[in-house]
Each structure stands twice: as C-alpha cells, then as structure tokens.
Amino acid sequence: MGLMGCLLIITVALLKGATAESYVVGDSLGWTVPPNTSFYSDWTNSKTFHIGDEVLFNWTGTLDHNVAEVSTLAEYENCTKPGIVYLSGYTANLIANGSRFFLCTVDNHCELGMKMIVTVGSPTNTSSTLAAPPPSDSSYSAPSLTFAGALVSVFSLIVVSLFNYV
C-alpha cells in the first residue's frame, strides 16, 4: 500500500503543477476605460503569470472598445494603433516568458489608461520586443499534463508495480 500512496501523492502533485490560470482582465471591472491611469498596471502587478495561463478581455458593447497587441514598449507608451484588433471575448494565451503589451485603439482610451503589460515569468527588460510573436488566434493553448494523461501515468505505474509482485 505504500507504493500506491506514493503514486497518489505524485499524481496530485503533477495535476496541481499542470493547472493553468485563467484571468479576466480587470476582474469585475473588465476591460474598459479605468477609473485611473494606473488601474491595469496595478492589476497586472497583483498577479503572477506563467506559461500556459490565459488572459481574457471582456467588455460590453461591440464597438465601445477593442484590444490590440503591440510589439514594443515604445509602441505601448505612444499608444500606437496596430492594424489587427480583437473584439470582446479575446483570449491571449501566454505561451512564452517575456512581456506582452496590450491596449485599446478606440478614440483616446489608451491615453486614459486602457492599456497593460503582462509579464510572464521573471520580469524582463520591457524595452525589448516580444519574447515570441503573438498567436495568430486565441485557440492555441500551451501543452500541459491533462487529467487523462495523469491517469494514464498512474495506471501504467500500477501495472508495472503489479508485475514486480508476480
């Protein structure tokens, strides 16, 4: 029974380590013109982002806001409007360490503080470009150990251990 207990502990540890977080930008406020220009930097500074996590941009209305990703800190600071923008429900999958720069391109929303930097892993020099190009769509997810994969591992270990007793 000692081996089975050890396997159970290992499985729980693997499943806990494989859990990715899903963050809704701004929590209950969502993605909107914030009450102050530091709101989204305060929000991201209160989180620890990891590879495999995802950041969901939600807001009401279809043309009131959008979200775009720029490549550099300079573009972020200058509220540069890139060509590609996403609508409400966009999910940014965090697939690499580094900093990613998001902003709203509607009217002067960016200048009013509707922008944020998401840093994955250890803080990096945000004056550099992205650690990896942004995904072309929001359907990509980083590979992780799934519940089914963990179960297969446990059952394989049980079968191997049973053969040792035979």
N, C-alpha and C. Protein backbone atom coordinates (compact mmCIF):
# COMPACT_ATOMS: atom_id res chain seq x y z
N MET A 1 0.82 -1.20 0.00
CA MET A 1 0.00 0.00 0.00
C MET A 1 0.86 1.26 0.00
N GLY A 2 2.10 1.15 0.44
CA GLY A 2 3.00 2.30 0.46
C GLY A 2 3.28 2.83 -0.92
N LEU A 3 3.44 1.92 -1.89
CA LEU A 3 3.70 2.34 -3.27
C LEU A 3 2.48 3.06 -3.84
N MET A 4 1.30 2.56 -3.54
CA MET A 4 0.07 3.18 -4.04
C MET A 4 -0.10 4.59 -3.46
N GLY A 5 0.21 4.76 -2.20
CA GLY A 5 0.12 6.08 -1.57
C GLY A 5 1.10 7.05 -2.21
N CYS A 6 2.30 6.57 -2.48
CA CYS A 6 3.32 7.40 -3.12
C CYS A 6 2.86 7.81 -4.52
N LEU A 7 2.27 6.87 -5.26
CA LEU A 7 1.77 7.17 -6.61
C LEU A 7 0.65 8.21 -6.56
N LEU A 8 -0.20 8.11 -5.57
CA LEU A 8 -1.29 9.07 -5.42
C LEU A 8 -0.75 10.47 -5.15
N ILE A 9 0.24 10.56 -4.29
CA ILE A 9 0.84 11.86 -3.97
C ILE A 9 1.51 12.45 -5.21
N ILE A 10 2.21 11.63 -5.97
CA ILE A 10 2.88 12.11 -7.19
C ILE A 10 1.85 12.61 -8.20
N THR A 11 0.75 11.86 -8.34
CA THR A 11 -0.30 12.25 -9.29
C THR A 11 -0.92 13.59 -8.90
N VAL A 12 -1.22 13.76 -7.65
CA VAL A 12 -1.81 15.03 -7.19
C VAL A 12 -0.83 16.17 -7.44
N ALA A 13 0.43 15.95 -7.18
CA ALA A 13 1.45 16.99 -7.40
C ALA A 13 1.54 17.34 -8.88
N LEU A 14 1.49 16.32 -9.75
CA LEU A 14 1.55 16.59 -11.18
C LEU A 14 0.33 17.36 -11.66
N LEU A 15 -0.83 16.99 -11.19
CA LEU A 15 -2.04 17.69 -11.59
C LEU A 15 -2.05 19.12 -11.10
N LYS A 16 -1.57 19.36 -9.89
CA LYS A 16 -1.51 20.71 -9.35
C LYS A 16 -0.55 21.56 -10.17
N GLY A 17 0.58 20.98 -10.56
CA GLY A 17 1.57 21.71 -11.35
C GLY A 17 1.10 22.00 -12.77
N ALA A 18 0.14 21.22 -13.26
CA ALA A 18 -0.32 21.38 -14.63
C ALA A 18 -1.49 22.35 -14.74
N THR A 19 -1.93 22.90 -13.64
CA THR A 19 -3.09 23.77 -13.66
C THR A 19 -2.70 25.15 -14.16
N ALA A 20 -3.31 25.55 -15.26
CA ALA A 20 -3.10 26.89 -15.79
C ALA A 20 -4.18 27.80 -15.24
N GLU A 21 -3.84 29.04 -15.05
CA GLU A 21 -4.80 30.02 -14.55
C GLU A 21 -5.46 30.75 -15.72
N SER A 22 -6.70 31.11 -15.53
CA SER A 22 -7.43 31.91 -16.49
C SER A 22 -7.81 33.21 -15.79
N TYR A 23 -7.31 34.33 -16.31
CA TYR A 23 -7.54 35.63 -15.70
C TYR A 23 -8.50 36.44 -16.56
N VAL A 24 -9.48 37.06 -15.93
CA VAL A 24 -10.35 38.02 -16.60
C VAL A 24 -9.75 39.39 -16.33
N VAL A 25 -9.35 40.07 -17.40
CA VAL A 25 -8.67 41.36 -17.27
C VAL A 25 -9.53 42.33 -16.46
N GLY A 26 -8.94 42.91 -15.43
CA GLY A 26 -9.61 43.90 -14.60
C GLY A 26 -10.61 43.32 -13.62
N ASP A 27 -10.65 41.99 -13.52
CA ASP A 27 -11.59 41.30 -12.64
C ASP A 27 -13.01 41.80 -12.90
N SER A 28 -13.70 42.31 -11.88
CA SER A 28 -15.11 42.70 -12.04
C SER A 28 -15.28 43.95 -12.91
N LEU A 29 -14.26 44.80 -13.01
CA LEU A 29 -14.35 45.98 -13.87
C LEU A 29 -14.32 45.58 -15.33
N GLY A 30 -13.55 44.54 -15.65
CA GLY A 30 -13.40 44.12 -17.04
C GLY A 30 -12.44 45.03 -17.78
N TRP A 31 -12.52 44.99 -19.11
CA TRP A 31 -11.66 45.79 -19.97
C TRP A 31 -12.46 47.03 -20.40
N THR A 32 -12.17 48.14 -19.79
CA THR A 32 -12.90 49.38 -20.04
C THR A 32 -11.99 50.56 -19.70
N VAL A 33 -12.44 51.76 -19.97
CA VAL A 33 -11.66 52.93 -19.55
C VAL A 33 -11.64 52.89 -18.02
N PRO A 34 -10.44 52.82 -17.44
CA PRO A 34 -10.34 52.61 -15.99
C PRO A 34 -10.57 53.91 -15.19
N PRO A 35 -10.81 53.75 -13.89
CA PRO A 35 -11.02 54.93 -13.04
C PRO A 35 -9.77 55.78 -12.88
N ASN A 36 -8.57 55.20 -13.12
CA ASN A 36 -7.32 55.95 -13.07
C ASN A 36 -6.33 55.30 -14.01
N THR A 37 -5.28 56.02 -14.40
CA THR A 37 -4.36 55.52 -15.42
C THR A 37 -3.47 54.38 -14.94
N SER A 38 -3.40 54.14 -13.64
CA SER A 38 -2.57 53.05 -13.13
C SER A 38 -3.36 51.78 -12.84
N PHE A 39 -4.67 51.79 -13.12
CA PHE A 39 -5.52 50.65 -12.75
C PHE A 39 -5.00 49.33 -13.31
N TYR A 40 -4.73 49.26 -14.62
CA TYR A 40 -4.34 47.97 -15.22
C TYR A 40 -2.91 47.58 -14.85
N SER A 41 -2.02 48.55 -14.64
CA SER A 41 -0.68 48.17 -14.17
C SER A 41 -0.76 47.66 -12.74
N ASP A 42 -1.60 48.25 -11.92
CA ASP A 42 -1.82 47.74 -10.56
C ASP A 42 -2.41 46.33 -10.61
N TRP A 43 -3.34 46.12 -11.53
CA TRP A 43 -3.99 44.81 -11.66
C TRP A 43 -2.96 43.74 -12.07
N THR A 44 -2.14 44.02 -13.10
CA THR A 44 -1.15 43.02 -13.52
C THR A 44 -0.07 42.82 -12.46
N ASN A 45 0.30 43.88 -11.74
CA ASN A 45 1.31 43.73 -10.69
C ASN A 45 0.83 42.88 -9.53
N SER A 46 -0.48 42.72 -9.39
CA SER A 46 -1.02 41.89 -8.31
C SER A 46 -1.13 40.42 -8.71
N LYS A 47 -0.74 40.10 -9.94
CA LYS A 47 -0.83 38.73 -10.45
C LYS A 47 0.56 38.18 -10.77
N THR A 48 0.66 36.87 -10.77
CA THR A 48 1.87 36.21 -11.24
C THR A 48 1.47 35.33 -12.41
N PHE A 49 1.92 35.69 -13.60
CA PHE A 49 1.55 34.98 -14.81
C PHE A 49 2.61 33.93 -15.16
N HIS A 50 2.13 32.79 -15.66
CA HIS A 50 3.01 31.68 -16.03
C HIS A 50 2.68 31.22 -17.45
N ILE A 51 3.63 30.54 -18.07
CA ILE A 51 3.36 29.92 -19.37
C ILE A 51 2.18 28.96 -19.21
N GLY A 52 1.25 29.03 -20.13
CA GLY A 52 0.05 28.20 -20.08
C GLY A 52 -1.16 28.93 -19.55
N ASP A 53 -0.95 30.05 -18.86
CA ASP A 53 -2.07 30.85 -18.38
C ASP A 53 -2.72 31.55 -19.57
N GLU A 54 -3.92 32.06 -19.35
CA GLU A 54 -4.60 32.83 -20.37
C GLU A 54 -5.22 34.07 -19.76
N VAL A 55 -5.30 35.10 -20.59
CA VAL A 55 -5.83 36.39 -20.16
C VAL A 55 -7.01 36.71 -21.07
N LEU A 56 -8.20 36.83 -20.47
CA LEU A 56 -9.43 37.06 -21.22
C LEU A 56 -9.85 38.52 -21.14
N PHE A 57 -10.08 39.12 -22.30
CA PHE A 57 -10.52 40.50 -22.39
C PHE A 57 -12.03 40.51 -22.64
N ASN A 58 -12.81 40.97 -21.66
CA ASN A 58 -14.26 41.05 -21.77
C ASN A 58 -14.72 42.49 -21.59
N TRP A 59 -15.71 42.88 -22.38
CA TRP A 59 -16.38 44.15 -22.20
C TRP A 59 -17.74 44.07 -22.85
N THR A 60 -18.59 45.03 -22.53
CA THR A 60 -19.93 45.05 -23.11
C THR A 60 -19.94 45.97 -24.32
N GLY A 61 -20.86 45.73 -25.22
CA GLY A 61 -20.93 46.51 -26.45
C GLY A 61 -19.94 45.97 -27.47
N THR A 62 -20.16 46.23 -28.72
CA THR A 62 -19.28 45.68 -29.75
C THR A 62 -18.26 46.69 -30.25
N LEU A 63 -18.61 47.96 -30.30
CA LEU A 63 -17.68 48.96 -30.84
C LEU A 63 -17.14 49.90 -29.78
N ASP A 64 -17.55 49.71 -28.53
CA ASP A 64 -17.12 50.61 -27.47
C ASP A 64 -15.63 50.50 -27.18
N HIS A 65 -15.09 49.29 -27.33
CA HIS A 65 -13.68 49.03 -27.04
C HIS A 65 -13.16 47.97 -28.00
N ASN A 66 -11.87 47.76 -27.95
CA ASN A 66 -11.24 46.64 -28.60
C ASN A 66 -9.95 46.35 -27.84
N VAL A 67 -9.22 45.35 -28.28
CA VAL A 67 -7.92 45.08 -27.70
C VAL A 67 -6.97 44.78 -28.84
N ALA A 68 -5.79 45.34 -28.74
CA ALA A 68 -4.74 45.11 -29.73
C ALA A 68 -3.44 44.83 -28.98
N GLU A 69 -2.56 44.14 -29.65
CA GLU A 69 -1.25 43.86 -29.07
C GLU A 69 -0.18 44.53 -29.91
N VAL A 70 0.69 45.28 -29.25
CA VAL A 70 1.81 45.91 -29.94
C VAL A 70 3.09 45.21 -29.53
N SER A 71 4.15 45.42 -30.30
CA SER A 71 5.37 44.64 -30.14
C SER A 71 6.40 45.22 -29.19
N THR A 72 6.38 46.52 -28.98
CA THR A 72 7.44 47.14 -28.19
C THR A 72 6.88 48.06 -27.11
N LEU A 73 7.71 48.35 -26.14
CA LEU A 73 7.34 49.29 -25.09
C LEU A 73 7.09 50.68 -25.67
N ALA A 74 7.88 51.08 -26.65
CA ALA A 74 7.69 52.39 -27.27
C ALA A 74 6.32 52.49 -27.93
N GLU A 75 5.91 51.44 -28.64
CA GLU A 75 4.58 51.45 -29.25
C GLU A 75 3.49 51.50 -28.18
N TYR A 76 3.73 50.79 -27.09
CA TYR A 76 2.80 50.77 -25.96
C TYR A 76 2.69 52.17 -25.35
N GLU A 77 3.82 52.78 -25.03
CA GLU A 77 3.82 54.10 -24.40
C GLU A 77 3.21 55.17 -25.30
N ASN A 78 3.39 55.03 -26.62
CA ASN A 78 2.85 56.00 -27.57
C ASN A 78 1.44 55.66 -28.03
N CYS A 79 0.86 54.59 -27.48
CA CYS A 79 -0.48 54.15 -27.87
C CYS A 79 -0.59 53.98 -29.38
N THR A 80 0.42 53.37 -29.96
CA THR A 80 0.45 53.10 -31.39
C THR A 80 -0.69 52.16 -31.76
N LYS A 81 -1.39 52.48 -32.83
CA LYS A 81 -2.53 51.66 -33.25
C LYS A 81 -2.09 50.67 -34.33
N PRO A 82 -2.01 49.38 -33.96
CA PRO A 82 -1.64 48.38 -34.96
C PRO A 82 -2.84 48.06 -35.86
N GLY A 83 -2.60 47.32 -36.92
CA GLY A 83 -3.66 47.00 -37.87
C GLY A 83 -4.65 45.97 -37.37
N ILE A 84 -4.23 45.05 -36.52
CA ILE A 84 -5.10 43.97 -36.08
C ILE A 84 -5.64 44.28 -34.69
N VAL A 85 -6.95 44.24 -34.56
CA VAL A 85 -7.60 44.43 -33.26
C VAL A 85 -8.58 43.28 -33.04
N TYR A 86 -8.86 43.01 -31.79
CA TYR A 86 -9.76 41.92 -31.43
C TYR A 86 -10.97 42.49 -30.69
N LEU A 87 -12.06 41.74 -30.76
CA LEU A 87 -13.29 42.14 -30.10
C LEU A 87 -13.44 41.45 -28.76
N SER A 88 -14.49 41.77 -28.03
CA SER A 88 -14.73 41.22 -26.71
C SER A 88 -14.72 39.70 -26.74
N GLY A 89 -14.13 39.13 -25.71
CA GLY A 89 -14.00 37.69 -25.62
C GLY A 89 -12.66 37.19 -26.11
N TYR A 90 -11.77 38.09 -26.53
CA TYR A 90 -10.45 37.68 -26.99
C TYR A 90 -9.65 37.11 -25.83
N THR A 91 -9.02 35.98 -26.06
CA THR A 91 -8.17 35.36 -25.05
C THR A 91 -6.73 35.36 -25.54
N ALA A 92 -5.85 35.95 -24.77
CA ALA A 92 -4.42 35.92 -25.06
C ALA A 92 -3.83 34.74 -24.30
N ASN A 93 -3.32 33.76 -25.03
CA ASN A 93 -2.68 32.61 -24.41
C ASN A 93 -1.21 32.94 -24.18
N LEU A 94 -0.76 32.76 -22.96
CA LEU A 94 0.62 33.11 -22.59
C LEU A 94 1.50 31.89 -22.85
N ILE A 95 2.23 31.93 -23.96
CA ILE A 95 2.96 30.76 -24.42
C ILE A 95 4.48 30.87 -24.27
N ALA A 96 4.96 32.01 -23.79
CA ALA A 96 6.41 32.18 -23.64
C ALA A 96 6.69 33.20 -22.53
N ASN A 97 7.88 33.11 -21.95
CA ASN A 97 8.29 34.12 -20.98
C ASN A 97 8.55 35.43 -21.69
N GLY A 98 8.33 36.52 -21.00
CA GLY A 98 8.57 37.83 -21.56
C GLY A 98 7.39 38.75 -21.33
N SER A 99 7.46 39.93 -21.91
CA SER A 99 6.42 40.93 -21.73
C SER A 99 5.59 41.06 -22.99
N ARG A 100 4.28 41.22 -22.78
CA ARG A 100 3.35 41.45 -23.88
C ARG A 100 2.59 42.74 -23.58
N PHE A 101 2.32 43.51 -24.63
CA PHE A 101 1.78 44.86 -24.50
C PHE A 101 0.40 44.94 -25.16
N PHE A 102 -0.62 45.25 -24.36
CA PHE A 102 -2.00 45.30 -24.85
C PHE A 102 -2.57 46.70 -24.65
N LEU A 103 -3.43 47.13 -25.59
CA LEU A 103 -4.06 48.43 -25.48
C LEU A 103 -5.37 48.47 -26.26
N CYS A 104 -6.18 49.46 -25.96
CA CYS A 104 -7.41 49.72 -26.70
C CYS A 104 -7.11 50.82 -27.71
N THR A 105 -7.57 50.63 -28.96
CA THR A 105 -7.29 51.62 -30.00
C THR A 105 -8.47 52.55 -30.29
N VAL A 106 -9.55 52.43 -29.52
CA VAL A 106 -10.73 53.28 -29.74
C VAL A 106 -10.47 54.66 -29.13
N ASP A 107 -10.71 55.69 -29.94
CA ASP A 107 -10.59 57.08 -29.50
C ASP A 107 -9.32 57.29 -28.67
N ASN A 108 -9.44 57.91 -27.49
CA ASN A 108 -8.28 58.16 -26.63
C ASN A 108 -8.27 57.22 -25.42
N HIS A 109 -8.89 56.05 -25.53
CA HIS A 109 -8.97 55.11 -24.41
C HIS A 109 -7.58 54.71 -23.90
N CYS A 110 -6.64 54.48 -24.81
CA CYS A 110 -5.29 54.10 -24.39
C CYS A 110 -4.66 55.20 -23.55
N GLU A 111 -4.77 56.43 -24.01
CA GLU A 111 -4.20 57.56 -23.27
C GLU A 111 -4.85 57.72 -21.89
N LEU A 112 -6.09 57.26 -21.76
CA LEU A 112 -6.79 57.34 -20.48
C LEU A 112 -6.46 56.16 -19.56
N GLY A 113 -5.56 55.28 -20.01
CA GLY A 113 -5.10 54.19 -19.16
C GLY A 113 -5.60 52.81 -19.53
N MET A 114 -6.28 52.69 -20.67
CA MET A 114 -6.79 51.39 -21.09
C MET A 114 -5.70 50.64 -21.86
N LYS A 115 -4.67 50.25 -21.10
CA LYS A 115 -3.54 49.52 -21.65
C LYS A 115 -2.86 48.79 -20.50
N MET A 116 -2.16 47.71 -20.84
CA MET A 116 -1.48 46.96 -19.79
C MET A 116 -0.35 46.13 -20.37
N ILE A 117 0.62 45.85 -19.50
CA ILE A 117 1.74 44.97 -19.83
C ILE A 117 1.58 43.70 -19.01
N VAL A 118 1.59 42.56 -19.68
CA VAL A 118 1.54 41.27 -19.00
C VAL A 118 2.93 40.67 -19.10
N THR A 119 3.55 40.41 -17.94
CA THR A 119 4.87 39.80 -17.91
C THR A 119 4.75 38.36 -17.43
N VAL A 120 5.24 37.45 -18.26
CA VAL A 120 5.21 36.03 -17.95
C VAL A 120 6.60 35.63 -17.46
N GLY A 121 6.65 34.94 -16.33
CA GLY A 121 7.94 34.53 -15.78
C GLY A 121 8.62 35.70 -15.10
N SER A 122 9.94 35.64 -15.06
CA SER A 122 10.71 36.71 -14.43
C SER A 122 10.57 37.99 -15.23
N PRO A 123 10.53 39.12 -14.54
CA PRO A 123 10.45 40.39 -15.27
C PRO A 123 11.60 40.52 -16.25
N THR A 124 11.28 41.01 -17.43
CA THR A 124 12.30 41.21 -18.46
C THR A 124 12.40 42.68 -18.75
N ASN A 125 13.41 43.04 -19.50
CA ASN A 125 13.56 44.42 -19.92
C ASN A 125 12.44 44.72 -20.91
N THR A 126 11.46 45.50 -20.52
CA THR A 126 10.30 45.74 -21.35
C THR A 126 10.59 46.66 -22.53
N SER A 127 11.82 47.13 -22.66
CA SER A 127 12.13 47.95 -23.82
C SER A 127 12.39 47.08 -25.04
N SER A 128 12.56 45.79 -24.83
CA SER A 128 12.78 44.91 -25.96
C SER A 128 11.44 44.53 -26.59
N THR A 129 11.52 43.84 -27.69
CA THR A 129 10.31 43.39 -28.35
C THR A 129 9.78 42.15 -27.65
N LEU A 130 8.69 41.65 -28.14
CA LEU A 130 8.06 40.48 -27.55
C LEU A 130 9.01 39.30 -27.50
N ALA A 131 8.85 38.46 -26.49
CA ALA A 131 9.64 37.24 -26.40
C ALA A 131 9.27 36.27 -27.50
N ALA A 132 8.03 36.28 -27.91
CA ALA A 132 7.55 35.44 -29.00
C ALA A 132 6.45 36.22 -29.70
N PRO A 133 6.24 35.97 -31.00
CA PRO A 133 5.17 36.69 -31.67
C PRO A 133 3.83 36.30 -31.08
N PRO A 134 2.87 37.22 -31.10
CA PRO A 134 1.56 36.88 -30.56
C PRO A 134 0.93 35.78 -31.39
N PRO A 135 0.14 34.91 -30.76
CA PRO A 135 -0.50 33.85 -31.52
C PRO A 135 -1.47 34.45 -32.54
N SER A 136 -1.63 33.76 -33.65
CA SER A 136 -2.49 34.28 -34.72
C SER A 136 -3.96 34.17 -34.37
N ASP A 137 -4.29 33.30 -33.42
CA ASP A 137 -5.67 33.23 -32.97
C ASP A 137 -5.68 32.85 -31.51
N SER A 138 -6.86 32.87 -30.91
CA SER A 138 -6.94 32.60 -29.48
C SER A 138 -7.22 31.14 -29.17
N SER A 139 -7.05 30.26 -30.16
CA SER A 139 -7.36 28.85 -29.92
C SER A 139 -6.13 28.07 -29.47
N TYR A 140 -4.94 28.66 -29.52
CA TYR A 140 -3.74 27.95 -29.12
C TYR A 140 -3.68 27.84 -27.61
N SER A 141 -3.28 26.70 -27.13
CA SER A 141 -3.04 26.57 -25.69
C SER A 141 -1.73 25.83 -25.49
N ALA A 142 -1.01 26.22 -24.48
CA ALA A 142 0.28 25.60 -24.20
C ALA A 142 0.07 24.17 -23.75
N PRO A 143 0.98 23.29 -24.14
CA PRO A 143 0.83 21.90 -23.72
C PRO A 143 0.98 21.78 -22.21
N SER A 144 0.18 20.93 -21.63
CA SER A 144 0.27 20.68 -20.20
C SER A 144 -0.21 19.28 -19.92
N LEU A 145 0.10 18.80 -18.74
CA LEU A 145 -0.34 17.48 -18.34
C LEU A 145 -1.83 17.53 -18.05
N THR A 146 -2.60 16.74 -18.78
CA THR A 146 -4.03 16.73 -18.58
C THR A 146 -4.39 15.70 -17.53
N PHE A 147 -5.63 15.75 -17.09
CA PHE A 147 -6.10 14.77 -16.12
C PHE A 147 -6.00 13.37 -16.71
N ALA A 148 -6.39 13.23 -17.99
CA ALA A 148 -6.31 11.92 -18.64
C ALA A 148 -4.87 11.44 -18.71
N GLY A 149 -3.95 12.34 -19.02
CA GLY A 149 -2.54 11.96 -19.08
C GLY A 149 -2.01 11.52 -17.73
N ALA A 150 -2.44 12.21 -16.69
CA ALA A 150 -2.02 11.83 -15.34
C ALA A 150 -2.58 10.46 -14.97
N LEU A 151 -3.84 10.21 -15.34
CA LEU A 151 -4.43 8.90 -15.05
C LEU A 151 -3.70 7.78 -15.78
N VAL A 152 -3.37 8.01 -17.04
CA VAL A 152 -2.62 7.00 -17.80
C VAL A 152 -1.28 6.73 -17.12
N SER A 153 -0.62 7.76 -16.65
CA SER A 153 0.66 7.59 -15.95
C SER A 153 0.50 6.76 -14.68
N VAL A 154 -0.54 7.07 -13.92
CA VAL A 154 -0.77 6.34 -12.67
C VAL A 154 -1.08 4.88 -12.95
N PHE A 155 -1.98 4.63 -13.89
CA PHE A 155 -2.32 3.23 -14.20
C PHE A 155 -1.13 2.47 -14.75
N SER A 156 -0.29 3.13 -15.54
CA SER A 156 0.92 2.48 -16.03
C SER A 156 1.84 2.09 -14.88
N LEU A 157 1.99 3.00 -13.92
CA LEU A 157 2.83 2.70 -12.77
C LEU A 157 2.24 1.57 -11.93
N ILE A 158 0.92 1.52 -11.82
CA ILE A 158 0.28 0.44 -11.07
C ILE A 158 0.52 -0.90 -11.74
N VAL A 159 0.35 -0.94 -13.07
CA VAL A 159 0.56 -2.19 -13.81
C VAL A 159 2.00 -2.66 -13.65
N VAL A 160 2.95 -1.73 -13.79
CA VAL A 160 4.36 -2.09 -13.64
C VAL A 160 4.64 -2.60 -12.23
N SER A 161 4.07 -1.94 -11.24
CA SER A 161 4.31 -2.39 -9.86
C SER A 161 3.68 -3.74 -9.59
N LEU A 162 2.53 -4.03 -10.23
CA LEU A 162 1.90 -5.34 -10.06
C LEU A 162 2.77 -6.44 -10.66
N PHE A 163 3.40 -6.16 -11.78
CA PHE A 163 4.29 -7.15 -12.38
C PHE A 163 5.49 -7.44 -11.48
N ASN A 164 5.90 -6.47 -10.69
CA ASN A 164 7.01 -6.70 -9.75
C ASN A 164 6.62 -7.65 -8.64
N TYR A 165 5.33 -7.72 -8.29
CA TYR A 165 4.86 -8.61 -7.24
C TYR A 165 4.61 -10.03 -7.74
N VAL A 166 4.46 -10.20 -9.06
CA VAL A 166 4.15 -11.52 -9.62
C VAL A 166 5.38 -12.34 -9.77
